[in-house]
Protein backbone atom coordinates (compact mmCIF):
# COMPACT_ATOMS: atom_id res chain seq x y z
CA MET A 1 -19.50 -13.00 -50.54
CA ILE A 2 -20.97 -16.40 -49.68
CA LEU A 3 -19.84 -17.74 -53.05
CA MET A 4 -16.28 -16.52 -52.30
CA ALA A 5 -16.33 -18.22 -48.87
CA CYS A 6 -17.52 -21.48 -50.46
CA PHE A 7 -14.77 -21.27 -53.08
CA VAL A 8 -12.09 -20.69 -50.42
CA GLY A 9 -13.49 -23.62 -48.42
CA VAL A 10 -13.31 -25.92 -51.46
CA VAL A 11 -9.71 -24.87 -52.18
CA ILE A 12 -8.73 -25.51 -48.54
CA TYR A 13 -10.42 -28.92 -48.65
CA ILE A 14 -8.58 -29.83 -51.88
CA PHE A 15 -5.23 -28.94 -50.27
CA TYR A 16 -6.21 -30.97 -47.21
CA ARG A 17 -7.00 -34.03 -49.33
CA MET A 18 -3.65 -33.74 -51.13
CA GLY A 19 -1.85 -34.49 -47.84
CA ASN A 20 -0.08 -37.74 -46.99
CA SER A 21 -2.82 -40.22 -46.10
CA SER A 22 -0.33 -42.93 -45.05
CA TYR A 23 1.03 -40.82 -42.15
CA LYS A 24 1.59 -42.84 -38.99
CA GLU A 25 1.95 -41.15 -35.61
CA THR A 26 5.09 -41.99 -33.67
CA ARG A 27 6.05 -41.62 -30.06
CA TYR A 28 8.25 -38.66 -31.03
CA ARG A 29 5.31 -36.57 -32.23
CA GLY A 30 5.62 -32.95 -31.20
CA GLU A 31 9.34 -33.15 -30.51
CA PRO A 32 11.95 -31.42 -32.68
CA PHE A 33 13.12 -33.21 -35.84
CA LEU A 34 16.86 -33.79 -35.62
CA SER A 35 17.72 -35.00 -39.12
CA GLY A 36 16.00 -38.32 -38.51
CA ASN A 37 17.83 -39.06 -35.25
CA PRO A 38 15.70 -39.80 -32.20
CA PRO A 39 15.78 -37.08 -29.56
CA VAL A 40 18.20 -37.54 -26.67
CA GLU A 41 16.44 -38.86 -23.59
CA GLY A 42 17.21 -37.25 -20.25
CA GLY A 43 18.94 -39.38 -17.64
CA LYS A 44 17.15 -40.74 -14.56
CA GLU A 45 18.16 -37.71 -12.56
CA ASN A 46 17.78 -35.30 -15.52
CA LYS A 47 14.09 -34.77 -16.24
CA ASP A 48 14.59 -31.46 -18.10
CA PRO A 49 12.86 -31.04 -21.46
CA ILE A 50 14.89 -31.24 -24.66
CA ASN A 51 16.89 -28.06 -25.28
CA ILE A 52 18.24 -27.53 -28.79
CA ARG A 53 20.06 -24.38 -29.94
CA GLY A 54 18.50 -22.45 -32.80
CA ASP A 55 21.68 -22.82 -34.88
CA ASN A 56 21.20 -26.57 -35.03
CA PHE A 57 17.41 -26.58 -35.23
CA TYR A 58 17.21 -24.26 -38.26
CA TRP A 59 20.33 -25.48 -40.03
CA GLY A 60 18.50 -26.92 -43.06
CA PHE A 61 16.29 -23.85 -43.41
CA ILE A 62 19.24 -21.46 -43.30
CA THR A 63 21.32 -23.61 -45.65
CA ALA A 64 18.51 -23.79 -48.20
CA LEU A 65 18.07 -19.99 -48.14
CA LYS A 66 21.77 -19.11 -47.93
CA PHE A 67 21.51 -16.88 -51.01
CA TYR A 68 19.02 -14.75 -49.05
CA PHE A 69 20.64 -14.78 -45.60
CA LYS A 70 24.26 -14.17 -46.67
CA PRO A 71 23.70 -10.52 -47.77
CA LEU A 72 21.60 -9.88 -44.64
CA ILE A 73 24.33 -11.15 -42.33
CA GLY A 74 26.87 -8.89 -44.07
CA ARG A 75 24.68 -5.80 -43.43
CA HIS A 76 23.86 -6.72 -39.83
CA THR A 77 25.39 -4.30 -37.34
CA GLY A 78 23.42 -5.09 -34.18
CA ARG A 79 22.88 -1.40 -33.39
CA LEU A 80 19.48 -0.33 -32.09
CA ASN A 81 19.36 2.60 -34.52
CA ASP A 82 19.42 0.20 -37.46
CA TYR A 83 16.55 -1.85 -36.07
CA ILE A 84 14.46 1.28 -35.55
CA PHE A 85 15.27 2.51 -39.06
CA TRP A 86 14.19 -0.75 -40.70
CA PHE A 87 11.06 -0.90 -38.54
CA MET A 88 10.11 2.62 -39.63
CA MET A 89 10.81 1.84 -43.29
CA THR A 90 8.66 -1.29 -43.07
CA MET A 91 5.84 0.67 -41.48
CA LEU A 92 6.15 3.31 -44.23
CA VAL A 93 5.84 0.66 -46.94
CA VAL A 94 2.83 -0.92 -45.20
CA MET A 95 1.10 2.45 -44.88
CA VAL A 96 1.75 3.34 -48.53
CA VAL A 97 0.36 -0.01 -49.66
CA LEU A 98 -2.69 0.35 -47.44
CA SER A 99 -3.36 3.90 -48.60
CA PHE A 100 -3.60 2.72 -52.23
CA ALA A 101 -5.65 -0.40 -51.45
């Protein structure tokens, strides 16, 4: 067990060292990435935090996985019965997998 923990630690350390060592922090750290554009600053009277709709924020992610999301959007009905059905089916699959593990 200790040997396994040491192995996992070494693998995590190797992935950590493979990161970008030339990364420089900017003043926009922690704010949403808007395709390289700087975030919009609030006016003098507008001190609200940045508010970006999810459609714009996840555009690249959804576009890259369009082959996956397109069939899902076609089957989406928005009815509560469908959500409950898929939740129950997911729980069934999890329980079957756990029973054989």
